[in-house]
Amino acid sequence: MRDFLVAYHGYGLAFVIGYFLGSIPFGLIFTKMAGLGDVRDIGSGSIGATNVLRTGSKKLAAATLAADLLKGAIAIWITLYFHNTMNFPIFFVCLTGFFALVGHLFPVWLKFKGGKGVAVYIGIFLAGAPWAVLVFAITWLSTAYITRFSSLSALLACSATTIFLYFFNLDWAILSAILTVLIFAKHHENIKRLLKGEESKIGNKG
């Protein structure tokens, strides 16, 4: 009975903590506070840091990146506390990461039209599997340096992180694989533009 109650409350907490932290639209909040209007009306229409950069404000883009990263990390840190102190299963922690990304991609406050999830993904693994973030960073930076495509860099970095985790921690690898599929799906328009040679490069406002 106790195991059932732990699981029941654990899954409920995973949803509440993950989804509602993940759904905070920092990019939209920051740009509106700065008097730059609705970030969804420019560029890709995303609320993420890459699109915020298209407003011309590097500071706002950096703030959005940091805030989105932190909301993923905080969700995991909170549930890791329950994992360590109340013996909640690691699946509960990974489920929180899943809901955090889903909250960012599909926030109820914005009619389920959110960002593309890369910063939240980084935050999740920064808290849960820090060494994997190094793999992500190396892959992203090297791909971005060569191609100057932010979207391609992110997709390859998520994929490389999943492969890396497969050899060290299967639980986090499975989570990474699921999140990577969601991120690929959210980037479907970017993928189409990449295949057509029409994708905007880093530094371009279009």
N, C-alpha and C. Protein backbone atom coordinates (compact mmCIF):
# COMPACT_ATOMS: atom_id res chain seq x y z
N MET A 1 0.83 -1.21 0.00
CA MET A 1 0.00 0.00 0.00
C MET A 1 0.86 1.26 0.00
N ARG A 2 1.93 1.23 0.80
CA ARG A 2 2.81 2.38 0.86
C ARG A 2 3.46 2.63 -0.50
N ASP A 3 3.90 1.54 -1.16
CA ASP A 3 4.52 1.70 -2.48
C ASP A 3 3.54 2.31 -3.47
N PHE A 4 2.27 1.91 -3.37
CA PHE A 4 1.24 2.46 -4.26
C PHE A 4 1.08 3.96 -4.00
N LEU A 5 1.03 4.35 -2.72
CA LEU A 5 0.84 5.76 -2.38
C LEU A 5 2.04 6.59 -2.81
N VAL A 6 3.23 6.04 -2.63
CA VAL A 6 4.44 6.75 -3.08
C VAL A 6 4.39 6.97 -4.58
N ALA A 7 4.03 5.91 -5.32
CA ALA A 7 3.95 6.02 -6.77
C ALA A 7 2.86 7.01 -7.18
N TYR A 8 1.71 6.92 -6.54
CA TYR A 8 0.58 7.80 -6.88
C TYR A 8 0.94 9.27 -6.66
N HIS A 9 1.48 9.58 -5.49
CA HIS A 9 1.86 10.95 -5.20
C HIS A 9 3.06 11.38 -6.05
N GLY A 10 3.96 10.43 -6.29
CA GLY A 10 5.14 10.74 -7.09
C GLY A 10 4.78 11.16 -8.50
N TYR A 11 3.89 10.43 -9.13
CA TYR A 11 3.51 10.75 -10.49
C TYR A 11 2.72 12.06 -10.55
N GLY A 12 1.90 12.29 -9.53
CA GLY A 12 1.17 13.56 -9.48
C GLY A 12 2.11 14.73 -9.32
N LEU A 13 3.11 14.58 -8.43
CA LEU A 13 4.10 15.63 -8.24
C LEU A 13 4.93 15.85 -9.50
N ALA A 14 5.26 14.76 -10.18
CA ALA A 14 6.03 14.86 -11.42
C ALA A 14 5.32 15.75 -12.43
N PHE A 15 4.01 15.55 -12.53
CA PHE A 15 3.24 16.36 -13.48
C PHE A 15 3.16 17.82 -13.03
N VAL A 16 2.80 18.03 -11.78
CA VAL A 16 2.61 19.40 -11.28
C VAL A 16 3.92 20.18 -11.34
N ILE A 17 4.99 19.59 -10.80
CA ILE A 17 6.28 20.28 -10.76
C ILE A 17 6.83 20.47 -12.17
N GLY A 18 6.85 19.38 -12.93
CA GLY A 18 7.43 19.44 -14.27
C GLY A 18 6.66 20.34 -15.21
N TYR A 19 5.37 20.07 -15.35
CA TYR A 19 4.60 20.80 -16.36
C TYR A 19 4.50 22.28 -16.05
N PHE A 20 4.17 22.63 -14.81
CA PHE A 20 3.92 24.03 -14.52
C PHE A 20 5.19 24.87 -14.43
N LEU A 21 6.29 24.27 -14.04
CA LEU A 21 7.56 24.99 -14.15
C LEU A 21 7.95 25.14 -15.63
N GLY A 22 7.82 24.05 -16.36
CA GLY A 22 8.19 24.08 -17.77
C GLY A 22 7.36 25.02 -18.61
N SER A 23 6.13 25.27 -18.19
CA SER A 23 5.22 26.07 -19.02
C SER A 23 5.37 27.58 -18.82
N ILE A 24 6.24 28.01 -17.92
CA ILE A 24 6.44 29.46 -17.73
C ILE A 24 7.12 30.03 -18.98
N PRO A 25 6.47 30.95 -19.71
CA PRO A 25 7.01 31.44 -21.00
C PRO A 25 7.94 32.64 -20.81
N PHE A 26 9.14 32.37 -20.32
CA PHE A 26 10.06 33.45 -19.99
C PHE A 26 10.40 34.35 -21.19
N GLY A 27 10.57 33.76 -22.37
CA GLY A 27 10.89 34.57 -23.54
C GLY A 27 9.83 35.62 -23.82
N LEU A 28 8.58 35.22 -23.72
CA LEU A 28 7.47 36.14 -23.93
C LEU A 28 7.40 37.18 -22.82
N ILE A 29 7.58 36.74 -21.59
CA ILE A 29 7.53 37.65 -20.45
C ILE A 29 8.63 38.70 -20.55
N PHE A 30 9.85 38.27 -20.83
CA PHE A 30 10.98 39.20 -20.87
C PHE A 30 10.84 40.22 -21.99
N THR A 31 10.43 39.77 -23.18
CA THR A 31 10.33 40.71 -24.30
C THR A 31 9.20 41.71 -24.09
N LYS A 32 8.11 41.27 -23.49
CA LYS A 32 7.01 42.20 -23.20
C LYS A 32 7.41 43.20 -22.13
N MET A 33 8.11 42.75 -21.10
CA MET A 33 8.58 43.65 -20.05
C MET A 33 9.56 44.69 -20.60
N ALA A 34 10.31 44.30 -21.63
CA ALA A 34 11.29 45.21 -22.23
C ALA A 34 10.66 46.14 -23.27
N GLY A 35 9.37 45.99 -23.49
CA GLY A 35 8.68 46.84 -24.45
C GLY A 35 8.92 46.46 -25.90
N LEU A 36 9.28 45.21 -26.13
CA LEU A 36 9.58 44.76 -27.50
C LEU A 36 8.42 44.01 -28.13
N GLY A 37 7.27 44.03 -27.48
CA GLY A 37 6.08 43.41 -28.05
C GLY A 37 6.06 41.90 -27.85
N ASP A 38 5.33 41.23 -28.70
CA ASP A 38 5.12 39.79 -28.61
C ASP A 38 6.15 39.07 -29.48
N VAL A 39 7.05 38.32 -28.86
CA VAL A 39 8.12 37.64 -29.60
C VAL A 39 7.56 36.62 -30.58
N ARG A 40 6.31 36.21 -30.37
CA ARG A 40 5.70 35.24 -31.28
C ARG A 40 5.35 35.84 -32.64
N ASP A 41 5.45 37.17 -32.73
CA ASP A 41 5.12 37.85 -34.00
C ASP A 41 6.33 38.02 -34.91
N ILE A 42 7.50 37.55 -34.47
CA ILE A 42 8.69 37.70 -35.30
C ILE A 42 9.34 36.34 -35.55
N GLY A 43 10.21 36.30 -36.55
CA GLY A 43 11.01 35.11 -36.81
C GLY A 43 10.21 33.84 -36.92
N SER A 44 10.60 32.86 -36.10
CA SER A 44 9.95 31.55 -36.14
C SER A 44 8.66 31.52 -35.33
N GLY A 45 8.41 32.58 -34.56
CA GLY A 45 7.22 32.60 -33.71
C GLY A 45 7.40 31.86 -32.40
N SER A 46 8.60 31.36 -32.15
CA SER A 46 8.88 30.62 -30.92
C SER A 46 9.11 31.58 -29.76
N ILE A 47 8.95 31.08 -28.53
CA ILE A 47 9.20 31.89 -27.34
C ILE A 47 10.59 31.63 -26.76
N GLY A 48 11.41 30.88 -27.49
CA GLY A 48 12.73 30.49 -27.01
C GLY A 48 13.81 31.54 -27.25
N ALA A 49 15.00 31.27 -26.71
CA ALA A 49 16.10 32.24 -26.76
C ALA A 49 16.55 32.58 -28.18
N THR A 50 16.56 31.59 -29.07
CA THR A 50 17.01 31.85 -30.45
C THR A 50 16.11 32.87 -31.12
N ASN A 51 14.82 32.76 -30.90
CA ASN A 51 13.90 33.72 -31.50
C ASN A 51 13.95 35.06 -30.78
N VAL A 52 14.14 35.05 -29.47
CA VAL A 52 14.29 36.30 -28.73
C VAL A 52 15.50 37.07 -29.25
N LEU A 53 16.54 36.37 -29.64
CA LEU A 53 17.72 37.02 -30.20
C LEU A 53 17.39 37.83 -31.45
N ARG A 54 16.35 37.42 -32.16
CA ARG A 54 15.95 38.13 -33.38
C ARG A 54 15.33 39.50 -33.08
N THR A 55 15.06 39.79 -31.80
CA THR A 55 14.61 41.14 -31.44
C THR A 55 15.77 42.11 -31.46
N GLY A 56 16.99 41.56 -31.51
CA GLY A 56 18.19 42.39 -31.49
C GLY A 56 18.80 42.54 -30.12
N SER A 57 18.18 41.94 -29.11
CA SER A 57 18.67 42.07 -27.74
C SER A 57 19.38 40.79 -27.30
N LYS A 58 20.69 40.86 -27.25
CA LYS A 58 21.46 39.70 -26.79
C LYS A 58 21.25 39.45 -25.30
N LYS A 59 21.04 40.52 -24.53
CA LYS A 59 20.83 40.36 -23.09
C LYS A 59 19.52 39.62 -22.80
N LEU A 60 18.46 39.97 -23.54
CA LEU A 60 17.19 39.29 -23.34
C LEU A 60 17.28 37.83 -23.78
N ALA A 61 18.00 37.58 -24.86
CA ALA A 61 18.17 36.21 -25.33
C ALA A 61 18.93 35.38 -24.31
N ALA A 62 19.98 35.98 -23.72
CA ALA A 62 20.76 35.28 -22.70
C ALA A 62 19.91 35.03 -21.46
N ALA A 63 19.09 36.02 -21.08
CA ALA A 63 18.23 35.86 -19.91
C ALA A 63 17.19 34.77 -20.15
N THR A 64 16.66 34.72 -21.36
CA THR A 64 15.68 33.68 -21.71
C THR A 64 16.32 32.30 -21.68
N LEU A 65 17.51 32.20 -22.24
CA LEU A 65 18.23 30.92 -22.24
C LEU A 65 18.46 30.45 -20.81
N ALA A 66 18.93 31.36 -19.96
CA ALA A 66 19.22 31.00 -18.57
C ALA A 66 17.95 30.59 -17.82
N ALA A 67 16.88 31.35 -18.01
CA ALA A 67 15.63 31.06 -17.30
C ALA A 67 15.02 29.74 -17.76
N ASP A 68 15.03 29.50 -19.07
CA ASP A 68 14.48 28.23 -19.57
C ASP A 68 15.32 27.05 -19.12
N LEU A 69 16.63 27.24 -19.09
CA LEU A 69 17.52 26.19 -18.61
C LEU A 69 17.24 25.90 -17.13
N LEU A 70 17.10 26.96 -16.35
CA LEU A 70 16.89 26.80 -14.91
C LEU A 70 15.56 26.13 -14.58
N LYS A 71 14.52 26.42 -15.35
CA LYS A 71 13.23 25.80 -15.01
C LYS A 71 13.29 24.28 -15.21
N GLY A 72 14.05 23.83 -16.19
CA GLY A 72 14.25 22.39 -16.35
C GLY A 72 15.09 21.81 -15.23
N ALA A 73 16.15 22.54 -14.86
CA ALA A 73 17.04 22.06 -13.79
C ALA A 73 16.34 22.04 -12.44
N ILE A 74 15.59 23.10 -12.13
CA ILE A 74 14.91 23.18 -10.84
C ILE A 74 13.89 22.06 -10.68
N ALA A 75 13.16 21.77 -11.75
CA ALA A 75 12.19 20.67 -11.70
C ALA A 75 12.87 19.36 -11.32
N ILE A 76 14.05 19.11 -11.89
CA ILE A 76 14.78 17.87 -11.59
C ILE A 76 15.37 17.92 -10.18
N TRP A 77 15.92 19.05 -9.78
CA TRP A 77 16.50 19.15 -8.44
C TRP A 77 15.45 18.90 -7.36
N ILE A 78 14.26 19.46 -7.56
CA ILE A 78 13.18 19.25 -6.59
C ILE A 78 12.84 17.77 -6.47
N THR A 79 12.67 17.12 -7.61
CA THR A 79 12.25 15.71 -7.56
C THR A 79 13.40 14.78 -7.17
N LEU A 80 14.63 15.18 -7.42
CA LEU A 80 15.77 14.40 -6.92
C LEU A 80 15.79 14.42 -5.39
N TYR A 81 15.33 15.52 -4.81
CA TYR A 81 15.24 15.60 -3.36
C TYR A 81 14.28 14.52 -2.84
N PHE A 82 13.11 14.41 -3.47
CA PHE A 82 12.15 13.37 -3.07
C PHE A 82 12.70 11.98 -3.33
N HIS A 83 13.43 11.84 -4.42
CA HIS A 83 14.05 10.55 -4.76
C HIS A 83 15.03 10.13 -3.67
N ASN A 84 15.82 11.08 -3.18
CA ASN A 84 16.86 10.77 -2.21
C ASN A 84 16.33 10.65 -0.78
N THR A 85 15.31 11.43 -0.45
CA THR A 85 14.84 11.46 0.94
C THR A 85 13.63 10.55 1.19
N MET A 86 12.81 10.34 0.16
CA MET A 86 11.60 9.54 0.34
C MET A 86 11.60 8.27 -0.49
N ASN A 87 12.73 8.01 -1.12
CA ASN A 87 12.91 6.78 -1.90
C ASN A 87 11.95 6.69 -3.08
N PHE A 88 11.57 7.84 -3.64
CA PHE A 88 10.79 7.81 -4.88
C PHE A 88 11.66 7.22 -5.98
N PRO A 89 11.10 6.43 -6.87
CA PRO A 89 11.90 5.79 -7.94
C PRO A 89 12.47 6.82 -8.92
N ILE A 90 13.59 6.48 -9.53
CA ILE A 90 14.23 7.40 -10.49
C ILE A 90 13.31 7.66 -11.67
N PHE A 91 12.40 6.72 -11.94
CA PHE A 91 11.42 6.93 -13.01
C PHE A 91 10.59 8.19 -12.75
N PHE A 92 10.30 8.44 -11.49
CA PHE A 92 9.56 9.63 -11.10
C PHE A 92 10.34 10.90 -11.47
N VAL A 93 11.65 10.88 -11.28
CA VAL A 93 12.49 12.02 -11.62
C VAL A 93 12.51 12.22 -13.13
N CYS A 94 12.69 11.14 -13.86
CA CYS A 94 12.71 11.23 -15.33
C CYS A 94 11.36 11.70 -15.87
N LEU A 95 10.28 11.23 -15.24
CA LEU A 95 8.95 11.65 -15.68
C LEU A 95 8.76 13.15 -15.48
N THR A 96 9.34 13.68 -14.42
CA THR A 96 9.29 15.12 -14.19
C THR A 96 9.99 15.86 -15.33
N GLY A 97 11.14 15.34 -15.76
CA GLY A 97 11.85 15.95 -16.88
C GLY A 97 11.01 15.93 -18.15
N PHE A 98 10.32 14.82 -18.37
CA PHE A 98 9.43 14.72 -19.53
C PHE A 98 8.34 15.78 -19.49
N PHE A 99 7.69 15.92 -18.33
CA PHE A 99 6.61 16.91 -18.20
C PHE A 99 7.14 18.34 -18.28
N ALA A 100 8.36 18.57 -17.82
CA ALA A 100 8.94 19.91 -17.91
C ALA A 100 9.11 20.32 -19.37
N LEU A 101 9.58 19.38 -20.19
CA LEU A 101 9.73 19.70 -21.60
C LEU A 101 8.38 19.86 -22.28
N VAL A 102 7.43 18.97 -21.95
CA VAL A 102 6.09 19.07 -22.51
C VAL A 102 5.45 20.41 -22.14
N GLY A 103 5.66 20.85 -20.90
CA GLY A 103 5.12 22.13 -20.47
C GLY A 103 5.67 23.28 -21.29
N HIS A 104 6.95 23.21 -21.61
CA HIS A 104 7.57 24.26 -22.42
C HIS A 104 7.07 24.22 -23.87
N LEU A 105 6.96 23.03 -24.41
CA LEU A 105 6.52 22.88 -25.80
C LEU A 105 5.04 23.22 -25.97
N PHE A 106 4.25 22.85 -24.95
CA PHE A 106 2.79 23.02 -25.06
C PHE A 106 2.21 23.68 -23.80
N PRO A 107 2.54 24.96 -23.56
CA PRO A 107 2.04 25.63 -22.35
C PRO A 107 0.56 25.96 -22.46
N VAL A 108 -0.19 25.60 -21.43
CA VAL A 108 -1.63 25.84 -21.45
C VAL A 108 -1.93 27.33 -21.53
N TRP A 109 -1.05 28.17 -20.99
CA TRP A 109 -1.28 29.62 -20.97
C TRP A 109 -1.23 30.23 -22.37
N LEU A 110 -0.55 29.57 -23.30
CA LEU A 110 -0.37 30.11 -24.65
C LEU A 110 -1.07 29.24 -25.69
N LYS A 111 -2.18 28.65 -25.31
CA LYS A 111 -2.95 27.77 -26.19
C LYS A 111 -2.09 26.64 -26.74
N PHE A 112 -1.18 26.14 -25.88
CA PHE A 112 -0.33 24.98 -26.18
C PHE A 112 0.67 25.25 -27.31
N LYS A 113 1.01 26.52 -27.54
CA LYS A 113 2.01 26.88 -28.55
C LYS A 113 3.21 27.50 -27.86
N GLY A 114 4.24 26.67 -27.62
CA GLY A 114 5.39 27.13 -26.86
C GLY A 114 6.68 27.16 -27.65
N GLY A 115 7.78 26.93 -26.94
CA GLY A 115 9.09 26.96 -27.56
C GLY A 115 9.49 25.61 -28.13
N LYS A 116 10.79 25.48 -28.43
CA LYS A 116 11.26 24.26 -29.08
C LYS A 116 12.03 23.35 -28.14
N GLY A 117 12.28 23.79 -26.92
CA GLY A 117 12.66 22.89 -25.85
C GLY A 117 14.14 22.64 -25.61
N VAL A 118 15.03 23.23 -26.40
CA VAL A 118 16.44 22.87 -26.27
C VAL A 118 17.03 23.33 -24.93
N ALA A 119 16.74 24.57 -24.53
CA ALA A 119 17.29 25.07 -23.26
C ALA A 119 16.76 24.26 -22.08
N VAL A 120 15.48 23.91 -22.11
CA VAL A 120 14.90 23.10 -21.04
C VAL A 120 15.57 21.72 -21.00
N TYR A 121 15.80 21.16 -22.17
CA TYR A 121 16.50 19.87 -22.28
C TYR A 121 17.86 19.96 -21.60
N ILE A 122 18.60 21.02 -21.88
CA ILE A 122 19.92 21.19 -21.26
C ILE A 122 19.79 21.26 -19.74
N GLY A 123 18.81 22.03 -19.26
CA GLY A 123 18.63 22.17 -17.83
C GLY A 123 18.30 20.86 -17.14
N ILE A 124 17.48 20.06 -17.79
CA ILE A 124 17.11 18.75 -17.23
C ILE A 124 18.34 17.89 -17.00
N PHE A 125 19.23 17.86 -17.98
CA PHE A 125 20.40 17.00 -17.85
C PHE A 125 21.54 17.66 -17.08
N LEU A 126 21.52 18.98 -17.00
CA LEU A 126 22.48 19.66 -16.13
C LEU A 126 22.25 19.23 -14.68
N ALA A 127 20.99 19.08 -14.31
CA ALA A 127 20.65 18.65 -12.95
C ALA A 127 20.74 17.14 -12.77
N GLY A 128 20.36 16.38 -13.78
CA GLY A 128 20.26 14.93 -13.64
C GLY A 128 21.47 14.14 -14.07
N ALA A 129 22.16 14.62 -15.11
CA ALA A 129 23.32 13.89 -15.64
C ALA A 129 24.32 14.91 -16.21
N PRO A 130 25.01 15.65 -15.31
CA PRO A 130 25.83 16.80 -15.72
C PRO A 130 26.86 16.51 -16.81
N TRP A 131 27.48 15.33 -16.76
CA TRP A 131 28.51 15.04 -17.76
C TRP A 131 27.94 14.98 -19.17
N ALA A 132 26.66 14.65 -19.28
CA ALA A 132 26.03 14.61 -20.60
C ALA A 132 25.95 15.99 -21.22
N VAL A 133 25.87 17.02 -20.38
CA VAL A 133 25.78 18.40 -20.90
C VAL A 133 27.09 18.79 -21.58
N LEU A 134 28.20 18.25 -21.11
CA LEU A 134 29.48 18.52 -21.77
C LEU A 134 29.47 17.97 -23.19
N VAL A 135 28.92 16.77 -23.36
CA VAL A 135 28.78 16.18 -24.70
C VAL A 135 27.89 17.06 -25.57
N PHE A 136 26.78 17.51 -24.97
CA PHE A 136 25.87 18.39 -25.70
C PHE A 136 26.60 19.65 -26.14
N ALA A 137 27.32 20.28 -25.23
CA ALA A 137 28.00 21.55 -25.52
C ALA A 137 29.05 21.40 -26.61
N ILE A 138 29.84 20.34 -26.52
CA ILE A 138 30.89 20.13 -27.53
C ILE A 138 30.27 19.91 -28.91
N THR A 139 29.22 19.11 -28.96
CA THR A 139 28.56 18.83 -30.24
C THR A 139 27.91 20.09 -30.80
N TRP A 140 27.20 20.83 -29.93
CA TRP A 140 26.53 22.05 -30.38
C TRP A 140 27.53 23.07 -30.90
N LEU A 141 28.56 23.33 -30.12
CA LEU A 141 29.54 24.36 -30.49
C LEU A 141 30.29 24.01 -31.78
N SER A 142 30.69 22.75 -31.90
CA SER A 142 31.43 22.35 -33.11
C SER A 142 30.54 22.41 -34.34
N THR A 143 29.29 21.96 -34.21
CA THR A 143 28.36 22.01 -35.36
C THR A 143 28.02 23.45 -35.71
N ALA A 144 27.78 24.28 -34.71
CA ALA A 144 27.46 25.68 -34.95
C ALA A 144 28.63 26.41 -35.60
N TYR A 145 29.84 26.09 -35.18
CA TYR A 145 31.04 26.73 -35.76
C TYR A 145 31.18 26.38 -37.24
N ILE A 146 30.89 25.15 -37.56
CA ILE A 146 31.05 24.68 -38.95
C ILE A 146 29.90 25.14 -39.84
N THR A 147 28.67 25.02 -39.34
CA THR A 147 27.49 25.26 -40.20
C THR A 147 26.77 26.58 -39.95
N ARG A 148 26.88 27.12 -38.73
CA ARG A 148 26.17 28.32 -38.30
C ARG A 148 24.65 28.12 -38.28
N PHE A 149 24.22 26.87 -38.19
CA PHE A 149 22.80 26.56 -38.05
C PHE A 149 22.51 26.18 -36.60
N SER A 150 21.77 27.02 -35.89
CA SER A 150 21.42 26.72 -34.50
C SER A 150 20.56 25.47 -34.40
N SER A 151 19.59 25.34 -35.29
CA SER A 151 18.67 24.21 -35.24
C SER A 151 19.39 22.88 -35.46
N LEU A 152 20.23 22.83 -36.47
CA LEU A 152 20.98 21.60 -36.76
C LEU A 152 21.91 21.26 -35.60
N SER A 153 22.54 22.27 -35.03
CA SER A 153 23.45 22.07 -33.90
C SER A 153 22.70 21.45 -32.73
N ALA A 154 21.50 21.96 -32.44
CA ALA A 154 20.71 21.45 -31.33
C ALA A 154 20.27 20.01 -31.56
N LEU A 155 19.82 19.71 -32.77
CA LEU A 155 19.34 18.36 -33.07
C LEU A 155 20.46 17.33 -32.98
N LEU A 156 21.62 17.69 -33.50
CA LEU A 156 22.76 16.76 -33.43
C LEU A 156 23.26 16.62 -32.00
N ALA A 157 23.20 17.72 -31.23
CA ALA A 157 23.66 17.67 -29.84
C ALA A 157 22.76 16.79 -28.99
N CYS A 158 21.45 16.90 -29.19
CA CYS A 158 20.52 16.04 -28.45
C CYS A 158 20.75 14.57 -28.80
N SER A 159 20.97 14.31 -30.07
CA SER A 159 21.20 12.93 -30.52
C SER A 159 22.50 12.37 -29.93
N ALA A 160 23.56 13.18 -29.95
CA ALA A 160 24.85 12.74 -29.41
C ALA A 160 24.75 12.50 -27.91
N THR A 161 23.99 13.34 -27.21
CA THR A 161 23.80 13.18 -25.77
C THR A 161 23.09 11.87 -25.46
N THR A 162 22.10 11.53 -26.26
CA THR A 162 21.37 10.28 -26.06
C THR A 162 22.29 9.08 -26.23
N ILE A 163 23.12 9.11 -27.26
CA ILE A 163 24.06 8.01 -27.50
C ILE A 163 25.04 7.88 -26.34
N PHE A 164 25.56 9.01 -25.88
CA PHE A 164 26.49 9.02 -24.75
C PHE A 164 25.84 8.40 -23.50
N LEU A 165 24.62 8.83 -23.20
CA LEU A 165 23.93 8.34 -22.01
C LEU A 165 23.63 6.84 -22.08
N TYR A 166 23.43 6.34 -23.27
CA TYR A 166 23.11 4.91 -23.45
C TYR A 166 24.20 4.02 -22.83
N PHE A 167 25.44 4.48 -22.86
CA PHE A 167 26.55 3.68 -22.36
C PHE A 167 26.80 3.86 -20.86
N PHE A 168 26.09 4.84 -20.24
CA PHE A 168 26.38 5.12 -18.84
C PHE A 168 25.16 5.04 -17.92
N ASN A 169 23.99 5.39 -18.43
CA ASN A 169 22.80 5.38 -17.57
C ASN A 169 21.57 5.21 -18.45
N LEU A 170 20.99 4.02 -18.41
CA LEU A 170 19.89 3.70 -19.32
C LEU A 170 18.64 4.53 -19.02
N ASP A 171 18.37 4.80 -17.74
CA ASP A 171 17.19 5.59 -17.40
C ASP A 171 17.23 6.97 -18.05
N TRP A 172 18.37 7.64 -17.89
CA TRP A 172 18.51 8.98 -18.48
C TRP A 172 18.60 8.90 -20.01
N ALA A 173 19.16 7.82 -20.52
CA ALA A 173 19.23 7.65 -21.97
C ALA A 173 17.85 7.53 -22.58
N ILE A 174 16.97 6.76 -21.92
CA ILE A 174 15.59 6.61 -22.42
C ILE A 174 14.88 7.96 -22.39
N LEU A 175 15.06 8.71 -21.28
CA LEU A 175 14.45 10.04 -21.21
C LEU A 175 14.98 10.93 -22.32
N SER A 176 16.29 10.91 -22.52
CA SER A 176 16.89 11.75 -23.57
C SER A 176 16.35 11.38 -24.94
N ALA A 177 16.19 10.09 -25.20
CA ALA A 177 15.67 9.65 -26.49
C ALA A 177 14.25 10.16 -26.72
N ILE A 178 13.41 10.08 -25.68
CA ILE A 178 12.03 10.56 -25.80
C ILE A 178 11.99 12.07 -26.01
N LEU A 179 12.79 12.80 -25.22
CA LEU A 179 12.83 14.25 -25.36
C LEU A 179 13.39 14.67 -26.72
N THR A 180 14.36 13.92 -27.20
CA THR A 180 14.94 14.23 -28.51
C THR A 180 13.91 14.06 -29.62
N VAL A 181 13.09 13.02 -29.53
CA VAL A 181 12.02 12.83 -30.52
C VAL A 181 11.06 14.03 -30.49
N LEU A 182 10.70 14.49 -29.30
CA LEU A 182 9.81 15.65 -29.18
C LEU A 182 10.45 16.90 -29.76
N ILE A 183 11.74 17.07 -29.50
CA ILE A 183 12.45 18.25 -30.01
C ILE A 183 12.56 18.19 -31.53
N PHE A 184 12.83 17.01 -32.08
CA PHE A 184 12.85 16.86 -33.53
C PHE A 184 11.49 17.22 -34.12
N ALA A 185 10.42 16.74 -33.48
CA ALA A 185 9.07 17.03 -33.98
C ALA A 185 8.80 18.53 -33.96
N LYS A 186 9.25 19.21 -32.91
CA LYS A 186 9.04 20.66 -32.81
C LYS A 186 9.86 21.43 -33.83
N HIS A 187 10.93 20.81 -34.29
CA HIS A 187 11.81 21.45 -35.28
C HIS A 187 11.48 21.02 -36.71
N HIS A 188 10.28 20.51 -36.94
CA HIS A 188 9.98 19.97 -38.27
C HIS A 188 10.08 21.03 -39.36
N GLU A 189 9.70 22.27 -39.05
CA GLU A 189 9.81 23.32 -40.05
C GLU A 189 11.28 23.66 -40.31
N ASN A 190 12.10 23.67 -39.25
CA ASN A 190 13.53 23.91 -39.41
C ASN A 190 14.17 22.82 -40.27
N ILE A 191 13.75 21.58 -40.04
CA ILE A 191 14.30 20.46 -40.82
C ILE A 191 13.94 20.62 -42.30
N LYS A 192 12.71 21.03 -42.57
CA LYS A 192 12.30 21.26 -43.96
C LYS A 192 13.16 22.34 -44.60
N ARG A 193 13.39 23.43 -43.85
CA ARG A 193 14.20 24.53 -44.39
C ARG A 193 15.66 24.12 -44.57
N LEU A 194 16.16 23.30 -43.64
CA LEU A 194 17.53 22.81 -43.79
C LEU A 194 17.68 21.98 -45.06
N LEU A 195 16.70 21.13 -45.33
CA LEU A 195 16.76 20.28 -46.52
C LEU A 195 16.65 21.10 -47.81
N LYS A 196 15.94 22.24 -47.72
CA LYS A 196 15.78 23.11 -48.88
C LYS A 196 16.89 24.15 -49.00
N GLY A 197 17.75 24.22 -47.99
CA GLY A 197 18.81 25.23 -47.98
C GLY A 197 18.30 26.62 -47.66
N GLU A 198 17.18 26.70 -46.94
CA GLU A 198 16.55 27.99 -46.64
C GLU A 198 16.60 28.35 -45.16
N GLU A 199 17.25 27.54 -44.35
CA GLU A 199 17.27 27.80 -42.90
C GLU A 199 18.11 29.03 -42.58
N SER A 200 17.61 29.84 -41.65
CA SER A 200 18.34 31.03 -41.22
C SER A 200 19.56 30.63 -40.39
N LYS A 201 20.66 31.33 -40.59
CA LYS A 201 21.89 31.03 -39.87
C LYS A 201 22.01 31.90 -38.62
N ILE A 202 22.86 31.48 -37.71
CA ILE A 202 23.08 32.22 -36.46
C ILE A 202 23.55 33.63 -36.80
N GLY A 203 22.90 34.61 -36.20
CA GLY A 203 23.24 36.01 -36.46
C GLY A 203 22.28 36.70 -37.40
N ASN A 204 21.50 35.91 -38.16
CA ASN A 204 20.51 36.48 -39.06
C ASN A 204 19.25 36.80 -38.29
N LYS A 205 18.58 37.86 -38.63
CA LYS A 205 17.33 38.24 -37.95
C LYS A 205 16.10 37.64 -38.59
N GLY A 206 16.24 37.07 -39.77
CA GLY A 206 15.07 36.52 -40.47
C GLY A 206 14.73 35.13 -40.06
